[in-house]
PDB file of N, CA and C in Angstrom:
ATOM      1  N   MET A   1     106.930 132.861 112.444  1.00  0.00           N
ATOM      2  CA  MET A   1     107.904 133.631 113.253  1.00  0.00           C
ATOM      3  C   MET A   1     107.867 133.434 114.646  1.00  0.00           C
ATOM      4  N   THR A   2     109.283 133.076 115.396  1.00  0.00           N
ATOM      5  CA  THR A   2     109.209 132.934 116.287  1.00  0.00           C
ATOM      6  C   THR A   2     109.668 133.920 117.369  1.00  0.00           C
ATOM      7  N   THR A   3     109.179 134.178 118.742  1.00  0.00           N
ATOM      8  CA  THR A   3     109.413 135.106 119.619  1.00  0.00           C
ATOM      9  C   THR A   3     110.571 135.134 120.041  1.00  0.00           C
ATOM     10  N   PRO A   4     111.441 136.229 119.925  1.00  0.00           N
ATOM     11  CA  PRO A   4     112.840 136.219 120.373  1.00  0.00           C
ATOM     12  C   PRO A   4     113.060 136.217 121.992  1.00  0.00           C
ATOM     13  N   THR A   5     113.881 135.696 122.610  1.00  0.00           N
ATOM     14  CA  THR A   5     113.927 135.821 123.675  1.00  0.00           C
ATOM     15  C   THR A   5     115.141 136.550 124.626  1.00  0.00           C
ATOM     16  N   ASN A   6     115.906 136.826 123.343  1.00  0.00           N
ATOM     17  CA  ASN A   6     117.091 137.743 123.811  1.00  0.00           C
ATOM     18  C   ASN A   6     116.644 139.036 124.248  1.00  0.00           C
ATOM     19  N   TRP A   7     115.691 139.372 124.066  1.00  0.00           N
ATOM     20  CA  TRP A   7     115.477 141.042 124.701  1.00  0.00           C
ATOM     21  C   TRP A   7     114.989 141.207 126.023  1.00  0.00           C
ATOM     22  N   PRO A   8     115.474 141.852 126.594  1.00  0.00           N
ATOM     23  CA  PRO A   8     115.183 142.283 128.166  1.00  0.00           C
ATOM     24  C   PRO A   8     114.040 141.628 128.676  1.00  0.00           C
ATOM     25  N   ASN A   9     112.805 141.979 127.935  1.00  0.00           N
ATOM     26  CA  ASN A   9     111.345 141.624 127.899  1.00  0.00           C
ATOM     27  C   ASN A   9     110.732 140.658 126.779  1.00  0.00           C
ATOM     28  N   PRO A  10     110.765 139.529 126.623  1.00  0.00           N
ATOM     29  CA  PRO A  10     110.503 138.875 125.752  1.00  0.00           C
ATOM     30  C   PRO A  10     109.196 139.130 125.196  1.00  0.00           C
ATOM     31  N   GLU A  11     108.137 139.780 125.921  1.00  0.00           N
ATOM     32  CA  GLU A  11     106.810 140.380 125.622  1.00  0.00           C
ATOM     33  C   GLU A  11     107.300 141.336 125.016  1.00  0.00           C
ATOM     34  N   ARG A  12     108.361 142.172 124.908  1.00  0.00           N
ATOM     35  CA  ARG A  12     108.292 143.462 124.036  1.00  0.00           C
ATOM     36  C   ARG A  12     109.654 143.418 123.258  1.00  0.00           C
ATOM     37  N   PRO A  13     109.665 142.246 122.055  1.00  0.00           N
ATOM     38  CA  PRO A  13     110.799 142.172 121.502  1.00  0.00           C
ATOM     39  C   PRO A  13     110.980 143.524 120.676  1.00  0.00           C
ATOM     40  N   GLY A  14     112.380 144.007 120.726  1.00  0.00           N
ATOM     41  CA  GLY A  14     112.613 145.329 119.787  1.00  0.00           C
ATOM     42  C   GLY A  14     112.734 146.251 120.732  1.00  0.00           C
ATOM     43  N   ALA A  15     112.435 146.203 122.192  1.00  0.00           N
ATOM     44  CA  ALA A  15     112.608 147.176 123.531  1.00  0.00           C
ATOM     45  C   ALA A  15     113.373 147.095 124.081  1.00  0.00           C
ATOM     46  N   PRO A  16     114.670 147.850 124.429  1.00  0.00           N
ATOM     47  CA  PRO A  16     115.762 147.751 125.162  1.00  0.00           C
ATOM     48  C   PRO A  16     115.186 147.836 126.788  1.00  0.00           C
ATOM     49  N   LEU A  17     116.180 147.386 127.371  1.00  0.00           N
ATOM     50  CA  LEU A  17     116.262 147.466 128.823  1.00  0.00           C
ATOM     51  C   LEU A  17     116.146 149.050 129.359  1.00  0.00           C
ATOM     52  N   PHE A  18     115.611 149.378 130.081  1.00  0.00           N
ATOM     53  CA  PHE A  18     114.651 150.939 130.226  1.00  0.00           C
ATOM     54  C   PHE A  18     114.353 151.440 129.444  1.00  0.00           C
ATOM     55  N   PRO A  19     113.124 150.885 128.699  1.00  0.00           N
ATOM     56  CA  PRO A  19     112.846 151.572 127.596  1.00  0.00           C
ATOM     57  C   PRO A  19     112.139 153.176 127.613  1.00  0.00           C
ATOM     58  N   GLY A  20     111.911 153.375 129.131  1.00  0.00           N
ATOM     59  CA  GLY A  20     111.549 154.531 129.027  1.00  0.00           C
ATOM     60  C   GLY A  20     112.437 155.849 129.273  1.00  0.00           C
ATOM     61  N   ARG A  21     113.771 155.478 129.176  1.00  0.00           N
ATOM     62  CA  ARG A  21     115.018 156.299 129.138  1.00  0.00           C
ATOM     63  C   ARG A  21     115.578 156.255 127.734  1.00  0.00           C
ATOM     64  N   ASP A  22     115.665 157.600 127.286  1.00  0.00           N
ATOM     65  CA  ASP A  22     116.983 157.856 126.222  1.00  0.00           C
ATOM     66  C   ASP A  22     118.320 157.040 126.353  1.00  0.00           C
ATOM     67  N   GLY A  23     118.920 156.603 125.592  1.00  0.00           N
ATOM     68  CA  GLY A  23     120.224 156.075 125.644  1.00  0.00           C
ATOM     69  C   GLY A  23     121.033 155.246 124.738  1.00  0.00           C
ATOM     70  N   TRP A  24     121.997 154.828 124.909  1.00  0.00           N
ATOM     71  CA  TRP A  24     123.020 154.053 124.067  1.00  0.00           C
ATOM     72  C   TRP A  24     122.704 152.498 124.331  1.00  0.00           C
ATOM     73  N   HIS A  25     122.625 151.664 123.273  1.00  0.00           N
ATOM     74  CA  HIS A  25     122.591 150.062 123.375  1.00  0.00           C
ATOM     75  C   HIS A  25     122.982 149.466 122.812  1.00  0.00           C
ATOM     76  N   VAL A  26     123.900 148.553 122.900  1.00  0.00           N
ATOM     77  CA  VAL A  26     124.803 147.361 122.149  1.00  0.00           C
ATOM     78  C   VAL A  26     123.869 146.181 121.598  1.00  0.00           C
ATOM     79  N   LEU A  27     123.871 146.420 120.401  1.00  0.00           N
ATOM     80  CA  LEU A  27     122.960 145.207 119.559  1.00  0.00           C
ATOM     81  C   LEU A  27     124.175 144.435 118.646  1.00  0.00           C
ATOM     82  N   TRP A  28     123.786 143.279 118.395  1.00  0.00           N
ATOM     83  CA  TRP A  28     123.912 142.458 117.255  1.00  0.00           C
ATOM     84  C   TRP A  28     123.089 142.545 116.236  1.00  0.00           C
ATOM     85  N   ALA A  29     123.350 142.727 115.003  1.00  0.00           N
ATOM     86  CA  ALA A  29     122.475 142.831 113.905  1.00  0.00           C
ATOM     87  C   ALA A  29     122.910 142.770 112.526  1.00  0.00           C
ATOM     88  N   PHE A  30     122.640 141.919 111.768  1.00  0.00           N
ATOM     89  CA  PHE A  30     122.844 142.282 110.205  1.00  0.00           C
ATOM     90  C   PHE A  30     124.667 141.864 110.192  1.00  0.00           C
ATOM     91  N   GLY A  31     125.142 140.878 110.879  1.00  0.00           N
ATOM     92  CA  GLY A  31     126.383 140.209 110.995  1.00  0.00           C
ATOM     93  C   GLY A  31     127.409 141.291 111.664  1.00  0.00           C
ATOM     94  N   GLY A  32     126.905 141.885 112.496  1.00  0.00           N
ATOM     95  CA  GLY A  32     128.168 142.856 113.207  1.00  0.00           C
ATOM     96  C   GLY A  32     127.492 143.577 114.874  1.00  0.00           C
ATOM     97  N   VAL A  33     128.230 144.081 115.120  1.00  0.00           N
ATOM     98  CA  VAL A  33     128.100 144.827 116.798  1.00  0.00           C
ATOM     99  C   VAL A  33     127.886 146.211 116.221  1.00  0.00           C
ATOM    100  N   THR A  34     126.716 146.892 117.015  1.00  0.00           N
ATOM    101  CA  THR A  34     126.470 147.993 116.801  1.00  0.00           C
ATOM    102  C   THR A  34     126.094 148.823 118.008  1.00  0.00           C
ATOM    103  N   ILE A  35     126.163 149.996 117.978  1.00  0.00           N
ATOM    104  CA  ILE A  35     125.842 150.677 119.209  1.00  0.00           C
ATOM    105  C   ILE A  35     124.967 151.519 118.590  1.00  0.00           C
ATOM    106  N   GLU A  36     123.774 151.598 119.145  1.00  0.00           N
ATOM    107  CA  GLU A  36     122.546 152.528 118.947  1.00  0.00           C
ATOM    108  C   GLU A  36     121.726 153.066 119.945  1.00  0.00           C
ATOM    109  N   TRP A  37     121.186 154.406 119.394  1.00  0.00           N
ATOM    110  CA  TRP A  37     120.594 154.919 120.181  1.00  0.00           C
ATOM    111  C   TRP A  37     119.054 154.969 120.297  1.00  0.00           C
ATOM    112  N   TRP A  38     118.367 154.593 121.639  1.00  0.00           N
ATOM    113  CA  TRP A  38     116.945 154.405 121.674  1.00  0.00           C
ATOM    114  C   TRP A  38     116.376 155.823 122.271  1.00  0.00           C
ATOM    115  N   SER A  39     115.549 156.398 121.386  1.00  0.00           N
ATOM    116  CA  SER A  39     114.681 157.202 121.900  1.00  0.00           C
ATOM    117  C   SER A  39     113.273 156.924 122.703  1.00  0.00           C
ATOM    118  N   ALA A  40     113.205 157.501 123.713  1.00  0.00           N
ATOM    119  CA  ALA A  40     112.105 157.192 124.673  1.00  0.00           C
ATOM    120  C   ALA A  40     110.913 157.687 123.943  1.00  0.00           C
ATOM    121  N   ASP A  41     111.156 159.198 123.654  1.00  0.00           N
ATOM    122  CA  ASP A  41     109.721 159.575 123.216  1.00  0.00           C
ATOM    123  C   ASP A  41     109.116 158.716 121.998  1.00  0.00           C
ATOM    124  N   THR A  42     110.176 158.240 121.036  1.00  0.00           N
ATOM    125  CA  THR A  42     109.581 157.617 119.900  1.00  0.00           C
ATOM    126  C   THR A  42     109.495 156.157 120.080  1.00  0.00           C
ATOM    127  N   GLN A  43     110.206 155.622 120.896  1.00  0.00           N
ATOM    128  CA  GLN A  43     110.033 154.228 121.592  1.00  0.00           C
ATOM    129  C   GLN A  43     110.519 153.274 120.070  1.00  0.00           C
ATOM    130  N   GLU A  44     111.821 153.993 119.831  1.00  0.00           N
ATOM    131  CA  GLU A  44     112.764 152.986 118.750  1.00  0.00           C
ATOM    132  C   GLU A  44     114.009 153.537 118.596  1.00  0.00           C
ATOM    133  N   PHE A  45     114.665 152.660 117.714  1.00  0.00           N
ATOM    134  CA  PHE A  45     116.176 153.076 117.785  1.00  0.00           C
ATOM    135  C   PHE A  45     116.286 153.900 116.586  1.00  0.00           C
ATOM    136  N   ASP A  46     117.556 154.668 116.365  1.00  0.00           N
ATOM    137  CA  ASP A  46     117.546 155.410 115.310  1.00  0.00           C
ATOM    138  C   ASP A  46     117.348 154.652 114.022  1.00  0.00           C
ATOM    139  N   ASN A  47     118.056 153.484 114.036  1.00  0.00           N
ATOM    140  CA  ASN A  47     117.702 152.654 112.926  1.00  0.00           C
ATOM    141  C   ASN A  47     116.760 151.342 112.928  1.00  0.00           C
ATOM    142  N   TYR A  48     116.250 150.772 112.169  1.00  0.00           N
ATOM    143  CA  TYR A  48     115.198 149.876 112.322  1.00  0.00           C
ATOM    144  C   TYR A  48     116.119 148.388 112.230  1.00  0.00           C
ATOM    145  N   TYR A  49     115.620 147.518 113.256  1.00  0.00           N
ATOM    146  CA  TYR A  49     116.109 146.307 113.130  1.00  0.00           C
ATOM    147  C   TYR A  49     115.009 145.374 113.454  1.00  0.00           C
ATOM    148  N   ASP A  50     115.250 144.336 112.948  1.00  0.00           N
ATOM    149  CA  ASP A  50     113.782 143.333 112.901  1.00  0.00           C
ATOM    150  C   ASP A  50     114.448 142.752 114.034  1.00  0.00           C
ATOM    151  N   PRO A  51     113.743 142.656 115.383  1.00  0.00           N
ATOM    152  CA  PRO A  51     113.736 141.996 116.635  1.00  0.00           C
ATOM    153  C   PRO A  51     114.142 140.290 116.514  1.00  0.00           C
ATOM    154  N   GLU A  52     113.390 139.965 115.494  1.00  0.00           N
ATOM    155  CA  GLU A  52     113.609 138.250 115.233  1.00  0.00           C
ATOM    156  C   GLU A  52     115.166 138.095 114.903  1.00  0.00           C
ATOM    157  N   TYR A  53     115.784 138.810 114.382  1.00  0.00           N
ATOM    158  CA  TYR A  53     117.048 138.715 113.629  1.00  0.00           C
ATOM    159  C   TYR A  53     118.124 139.746 114.442  1.00  0.00           C
ATOM    160  N   THR A  54     117.931 139.969 115.497  1.00  0.00           N
ATOM    161  CA  THR A  54     118.763 141.083 116.331  1.00  0.00           C
ATOM    162  C   THR A  54     118.873 140.511 117.674  1.00  0.00           C
ATOM    163  N   VAL A  55     120.139 140.556 118.256  1.00  0.00           N
ATOM    164  CA  VAL A  55     120.272 140.040 119.446  1.00  0.00           C
ATOM    165  C   VAL A  55     120.883 141.286 120.471  1.00  0.00           C
ATOM    166  N   TYR A  56     120.048 141.300 121.286  1.00  0.00           N
ATOM    167  CA  TYR A  56     120.125 142.627 122.186  1.00  0.00           C
ATOM    168  C   TYR A  56     121.248 142.111 123.182  1.00  0.00           C
ATOM    169  N   GLU A  57     122.436 143.112 123.314  1.00  0.00           N
ATOM    170  CA  GLU A  57     123.774 142.734 124.225  1.00  0.00           C
ATOM    171  C   GLU A  57     123.273 143.438 125.740  1.00  0.00           C
ATOM    172  N   HIS A  58     123.209 144.782 125.900  1.00  0.00           N
ATOM    173  CA  HIS A  58     123.266 145.591 127.167  1.00  0.00           C
ATOM    174  C   HIS A  58     122.969 146.798 126.648  1.00  0.00           C
ATOM    175  N   ALA A  59     122.710 147.447 127.648  1.00  0.00           N
ATOM    176  CA  ALA A  59     122.456 148.953 127.757  1.00  0.00           C
ATOM    177  C   ALA A  59     123.834 149.613 128.302  1.00  0.00           C
ATOM    178  N   CYS A  60     124.329 150.758 127.529  1.00  0.00           N
ATOM    179  CA  CYS A  60     125.490 151.309 128.125  1.00  0.00           C
ATOM    180  C   CYS A  60     125.171 152.487 128.940  1.00  0.00           C
ATOM    181  N   LEU A  61     125.252 152.061 130.457  1.00  0.00           N
ATOM    182  CA  LEU A  61     125.100 152.764 131.502  1.00  0.00           C
ATOM    183  C   LEU A  61     126.025 154.005 131.997  1.00  0.00           C
ATOM    184  N   THR A  62     125.583 155.023 132.269  1.00  0.00           N
ATOM    185  CA  THR A  62     126.763 156.161 132.563  1.00  0.00           C
ATOM    186  C   THR A  62     126.902 155.849 134.039  1.00  0.00           C
ATOM    187  N   PRO A  63     128.174 156.523 134.423  1.00  0.00           N
ATOM    188  CA  PRO A  63     128.610 156.499 135.782  1.00  0.00           C
ATOM    189  C   PRO A  63     127.796 156.689 136.892  1.00  0.00           C
ATOM    190  N   THR A  64     126.885 158.025 136.349  1.00  0.00           N
ATOM    191  CA  THR A  64     125.713 158.339 137.369  1.00  0.00           C
ATOM    192  C   THR A  64     124.472 157.277 137.285  1.00  0.00           C
ATOM    193  N   GLN A  65     124.180 156.560 136.425  1.00  0.00           N
ATOM    194  CA  GLN A  65     123.462 155.504 136.451  1.00  0.00           C
ATOM    195  C   GLN A  65     123.885 154.336 137.041  1.00  0.00           C
ATOM    196  N   ILE A  66     125.039 153.734 136.883  1.00  0.00           N
ATOM    197  CA  ILE A  66     125.505 152.747 137.594  1.00  0.00           C
ATOM    198  C   ILE A  66     125.414 153.190 139.357  1.00  0.00           C
ATOM    199  N   ALA A  67     125.853 154.239 139.520  1.00  0.00           N
ATOM    200  CA  ALA A  67     125.956 154.921 140.886  1.00  0.00           C
ATOM    201  C   ALA A  67     124.609 154.910 141.473  1.00  0.00           C
ATOM    202  N   GLU A  68     123.250 155.328 140.736  1.00  0.00           N
ATOM    203  CA  GLU A  68     122.005 155.188 141.214  1.00  0.00           C
ATOM    204  C   GLU A  68     121.672 153.906 141.457  1.00  0.00           C
ATOM    205  N   MET A  69     121.998 152.803 140.835  1.00  0.00           N
ATOM    206  CA  MET A  69     121.654 151.222 140.735  1.00  0.00           C
ATOM    207  C   MET A  69     122.308 150.787 142.067  1.00  0.00           C
ATOM    208  N   LEU A  70     123.497 151.166 142.204  1.00  0.00           N
ATOM    209  CA  LEU A  70     124.188 150.790 143.375  1.00  0.00           C
ATOM    210  C   LEU A  70     123.643 151.314 144.660  1.00  0.00           C
ATOM    211  N   ALA A  71     123.286 152.551 144.619  1.00  0.00           N
ATOM    212  CA  ALA A  71     122.646 153.015 145.892  1.00  0.00           C
ATOM    213  C   ALA A  71     121.218 152.584 146.214  1.00  0.00           C
ATOM    214  N   GLY A  72     120.577 152.033 145.218  1.00  0.00           N
ATOM    215  CA  GLY A  72     119.210 151.435 145.348  1.00  0.00           C
ATOM    216  C   GLY A  72     119.391 150.036 145.941  1.00  0.00           C
ATOM    217  N   GLU A  73     120.283 149.350 145.275  1.00  0.00           N
ATOM    218  CA  GLU A  73     121.099 147.958 145.408  1.00  0.00           C
ATOM    219  C   GLU A  73     121.274 147.988 147.329  1.00  0.00           C
ATOM    220  N   ARG A  74     121.898 149.129 147.565  1.00  0.00           N
ATOM    221  CA  ARG A  74     122.676 149.172 148.922  1.00  0.00           C
ATOM    222  C   ARG A  74     121.334 149.247 150.065  1.00  0.00           C
ATOM    223  N   GLU A  75     120.381 150.020 149.747  1.00  0.00           N
ATOM    224  CA  GLU A  75     119.245 150.446 150.344  1.00  0.00           C
ATOM    225  C   GLU A  75     118.602 149.184 150.373  1.00  0.00           C
ATOM    226  N   ARG A  76     118.169 148.453 149.463  1.00  0.00           N
ATOM    227  CA  ARG A  76     117.691 147.024 149.449  1.00  0.00           C
ATOM    228  C   ARG A  76     117.932 145.857 150.496  1.00  0.00           C
ATOM    229  N   VAL A  77     119.836 145.834 150.309  1.00  0.00           N
ATOM    230  CA  VAL A  77     120.390 145.186 151.196  1.00  0.00           C
ATOM    231  C   VAL A  77     120.310 145.301 152.553  1.00  0.00           C
ATOM    232  N   GLU A  78     120.296 146.939 152.765  1.00  0.00           N
ATOM    233  CA  GLU A  78     120.777 147.445 154.106  1.00  0.00           C
ATOM    234  C   GLU A  78     119.085 146.970 154.953  1.00  0.00           C
ATOM    235  N   ALA A  79     117.753 147.322 154.297  1.00  0.00           N
ATOM    236  CA  ALA A  79     116.823 146.840 154.521  1.00  0.00           C
ATOM    237  C   ALA A  79     116.647 145.296 154.894  1.00  0.00           C
ATOM    238  N   GLU A  80     117.177 144.384 154.228  1.00  0.00           N
ATOM    239  CA  GLU A  80     116.997 143.045 154.253  1.00  0.00           C
ATOM    240  C   GLU A  80     118.261 142.655 155.565  1.00  0.00           C
ATOM    241  N   MET A  81     119.056 143.294 155.461  1.00  0.00           N
ATOM    242  CA  MET A  81     120.055 142.909 156.668  1.00  0.00           C
ATOM    243  C   MET A  81     119.479 143.305 157.856  1.00  0.00           C
ATOM    244  N   GLY A  82     118.661 144.569 158.008  1.00  0.00           N
ATOM    245  CA  GLY A  82     118.314 145.060 159.339  1.00  0.00           C
ATOM    246  C   GLY A  82     117.309 144.144 160.002  1.00  0.00           C
ATOM    247  N   ALA A  83     116.631 143.646 158.874  1.00  0.00           N
ATOM    248  CA  ALA A  83     115.411 142.559 159.303  1.00  0.00           C
ATOM    249  C   ALA A  83     116.274 141.350 159.521  1.00  0.00           C
ATOM    250  N   TYR A  84     117.180 140.749 159.264  1.00  0.00           N
ATOM    251  CA  TYR A  84     117.825 139.705 159.401  1.00  0.00           C
ATOM    252  C   TYR A  84     118.339 139.817 160.731  1.00  0.00           C
ATOM    253  N   VAL A  85     119.146 140.853 160.996  1.00  0.00           N
ATOM    254  CA  VAL A  85     119.788 140.841 162.399  1.00  0.00           C
ATOM    255  C   VAL A  85     118.558 141.012 163.455  1.00  0.00           C
ATOM    256  N   LYS A  86     117.552 141.937 163.264  1.00  0.00           N
ATOM    257  CA  LYS A  86     116.467 141.920 164.230  1.00  0.00           C
ATOM    258  C   LYS A  86     115.713 140.778 164.713  1.00  0.00           C
ATOM    259  N   ASN A  87     115.644 139.760 163.382  1.00  0.00           N
ATOM    260  CA  ASN A  87     115.111 138.489 163.552  1.00  0.00           C
ATOM    261  C   ASN A  87     116.305 137.760 164.713  1.00  0.00           C
ATOM    262  N   ILE A  88     117.059 137.629 164.408  1.00  0.00           N
ATOM    263  CA  ILE A  88     118.216 137.092 165.070  1.00  0.00           C
ATOM    264  C   ILE A  88     118.122 137.300 166.717  1.00  0.00           C
ATOM    265  N   MET A  89     118.252 138.754 166.755  1.00  0.00           N
ATOM    266  CA  MET A  89     118.432 139.506 168.204  1.00  0.00           C
ATOM    267  C   MET A  89     116.915 139.112 168.884  1.00  0.00           C
ATOM    268  N   ASP A  90     115.662 138.961 168.187  1.00  0.00           N
ATOM    269  CA  ASP A  90     114.856 138.890 168.880  1.00  0.00           C
ATOM    270  C   ASP A  90     114.518 137.480 169.158  1.00  0.00           C
ATOM    271  N   ALA A  91     114.820 136.550 168.240  1.00  0.00           N
ATOM    272  CA  ALA A  91     114.723 135.222 168.492  1.00  0.00           C
ATOM    273  C   ALA A  91     115.783 134.487 169.624  1.00  0.00           C
ATOM    274  N   HIS A  92     116.883 135.037 169.550  1.00  0.00           N
ATOM    275  CA  HIS A  92     117.679 134.543 170.134  1.00  0.00           C
ATOM    276  C   HIS A  92     119.064 135.629 170.498  1.00  0.00           C
ATOM    277  N   PRO A  93     118.474 136.463 171.309  1.00  0.00           N
ATOM    278  CA  PRO A  93     119.683 137.460 171.493  1.00  0.00           C
ATOM    279  C   PRO A  93     121.094 136.985 172.062  1.00  0.00           C
ATOM    280  N   GLU A  94     121.222 136.154 172.313  1.00  0.00           N
ATOM    281  CA  GLU A  94     122.596 135.751 173.236  1.00  0.00           C
ATOM    282  C   GLU A  94     123.224 134.855 172.032  1.00  0.00           C
ATOM    283  N   TRP A  95     122.101 134.059 171.062  1.00  0.00           N
ATOM    284  CA  TRP A  95     122.708 132.847 169.993  1.00  0.00           C
ATOM    285  C   TRP A  95     123.387 133.520 168.953  1.00  0.00           C
ATOM    286  N   ASN A  96     124.529 132.936 168.691  1.00  0.00           N
ATOM    287  CA  ASN A  96     125.030 133.214 167.402  1.00  0.00           C
ATOM    288  C   ASN A  96     125.636 134.355 167.026  1.00  0.00           C
ATOM    289  N   MET A  97     126.449 135.117 168.045  1.00  0.00           N
ATOM    290  CA  MET A  97     126.891 136.268 167.740  1.00  0.00           C
ATOM    291  C   MET A  97     127.853 136.445 167.013  1.00  0.00           C
ATOM    292  N   GLU A  98     128.563 135.291 166.495  1.00  0.00           N
ATOM    293  CA  GLU A  98     129.776 135.268 165.461  1.00  0.00           C
ATOM    294  C   GLU A  98     128.769 135.405 164.216  1.00  0.00           C
ATOM    295  N   GLN A  99     127.855 134.586 163.819  1.00  0.00           N
ATOM    296  CA  GLN A  99     127.206 134.981 162.833  1.00  0.00           C
ATOM    297  C   GLN A  99     126.300 136.246 162.602  1.00  0.00           C
ATOM    298  N   LEU A 100     126.048 136.794 163.693  1.00  0.00           N
ATOM    299  CA  LEU A 100     125.667 138.181 163.552  1.00  0.00           C
ATOM    300  C   LEU A 100     126.916 139.107 163.043  1.00  0.00           C
ATOM    301  N   HIS A 101     127.872 139.180 163.732  1.00  0.00           N
ATOM    302  CA  HIS A 101     128.823 139.984 163.567  1.00  0.00           C
ATOM    303  C   HIS A 101     129.498 139.655 162.055  1.00  0.00           C
ATOM    304  N   SER A 102     129.515 138.254 161.369  1.00  0.00           N
ATOM    305  CA  SER A 102     129.824 138.473 160.088  1.00  0.00           C
ATOM    306  C   SER A 102     128.565 139.026 159.021  1.00  0.00           C
ATOM    307  N   ALA A 103     127.338 138.768 159.610  1.00  0.00           N
ATOM    308  CA  ALA A 103     126.620 139.632 158.859  1.00  0.00           C
ATOM    309  C   ALA A 103     126.691 140.979 158.985  1.00  0.00           C
ATOM    310  N   LEU A 104     127.327 141.538 159.841  1.00  0.00           N
ATOM    311  CA  LEU A 104     127.182 142.886 160.011  1.00  0.00           C
ATOM    312  C   LEU A 104     128.213 143.448 159.048  1.00  0.00           C
ATOM    313  N   LYS A 105     129.489 142.646 159.184  1.00  0.00           N
ATOM    314  CA  LYS A 105     130.458 143.138 158.259  1.00  0.00           C
ATOM    315  C   LYS A 105     130.215 142.806 156.914  1.00  0.00           C
ATOM    316  N   GLU A 106     129.522 141.846 156.557  1.00  0.00           N
ATOM    317  CA  GLU A 106     128.934 141.959 154.894  1.00  0.00           C
ATOM    318  C   GLU A 106     127.842 143.169 154.567  1.00  0.00           C
ATOM    319  N   ARG A 107     127.064 143.656 155.902  1.00  0.00           N
ATOM    320  CA  ARG A 107     126.243 144.797 155.446  1.00  0.00           C
ATOM    321  C   ARG A 107     127.189 146.077 155.198  1.00  0.00           C
ATOM    322  N   GLU A 108     128.041 146.218 155.817  1.00  0.00           N
ATOM    323  CA  GLU A 108     129.178 147.276 155.849  1.00  0.00           C
ATOM    324  C   GLU A 108     129.905 147.117 154.454  1.00  0.00           C
ATOM    325  N   ALA A 109     130.430 145.985 154.131  1.00  0.00           N
ATOM    326  CA  ALA A 109     130.934 145.947 152.843  1.00  0.00           C
ATOM    327  C   ALA A 109     130.227 146.424 151.474  1.00  0.00           C
ATOM    328  N   ILE A 110     128.696 145.819 151.500  1.00  0.00           N
ATOM    329  CA  ILE A 110     128.234 146.165 150.489  1.00  0.00           C
ATOM    330  C   ILE A 110     127.603 147.665 150.598  1.00  0.00           C
ATOM    331  N   ARG A 111     127.201 148.133 151.656  1.00  0.00           N
ATOM    332  CA  ARG A 111     127.177 149.766 151.921  1.00  0.00           C
ATOM    333  C   ARG A 111     128.247 150.392 151.304  1.00  0.00           C
ATOM    334  N   ASN A 112     129.323 150.144 151.002  1.00  0.00           N
ATOM    335  CA  ASN A 112     130.619 150.556 150.757  1.00  0.00           C
ATOM    336  C   ASN A 112     130.763 150.494 148.830  1.00  0.00           C
ATOM    337  N   LEU A 113     129.871 149.531 148.687  1.00  0.00           N
ATOM    338  CA  LEU A 113     130.139 149.578 147.205  1.00  0.00           C
ATOM    339  C   LEU A 113     129.859 150.577 146.513  1.00  0.00           C
ATOM    340  N   GLY A 114     130.707 150.765 145.422  1.00  0.00           N
ATOM    341  CA  GLY A 114     130.768 151.978 144.567  1.00  0.00           C
ATOM    342  C   GLY A 114     131.643 153.053 145.407  1.00  0.00           C
ATOM    343  N   ASP A 115     131.732 153.166 146.217  1.00  0.00           N
ATOM    344  CA  ASP A 115     132.405 154.244 147.056  1.00  0.00           C
ATOM    345  C   ASP A 115     133.856 154.234 146.515  1.00  0.00           C
ATOM    346  N   ALA A 116     134.613 153.432 145.962  1.00  0.00           N
ATOM    347  CA  ALA A 116     136.032 153.178 145.695  1.00  0.00           C
ATOM    348  C   ALA A 116     136.393 153.762 144.314  1.00  0.00           C
ATOM    349  N   PRO A 117     137.447 154.507 144.238  1.00  0.00           N
ATOM    350  CA  PRO A 117     137.780 155.402 142.906  1.00  0.00           C
ATOM    351  C   PRO A 117     137.734 154.818 141.853  1.00  0.00           C
TER     352      PRO A 117
END
C-alpha cells in the first residue's frame, strides 16, 4: 500500500482539513464526487472511504468560517506590514517614501478584504 498524498495531512490519510471540527467535505471516491459529513467526535466520515482510493478535494466552509480566516490573515499581514514599515523608518526615515506609501496602500487593501458585499 502506498501512502496517499492528496489528503491535507499525508501523515493522517483519511482525515480532512480541520479534523477537529464537524463539517462537510468534498471527496472523489468510487468513480464520483460526493459531499460527506465529517464528525469531529468520531473522527470519521458518515460513509467509509479507503483513503488510498479516495481523493480529498476541499472543505465546504461557511461564510462565518471564511470571514474568520480572512480576519486572521488580515491580522497576520498587518503585523508583518507594521514591522516592515518600522524597519524602513528606523533604518532610513527619509529614504524610499514612495515604497513606504505603496506598502501602506497595499496594507489598507488587505485590511479591507472580505468587507465587500
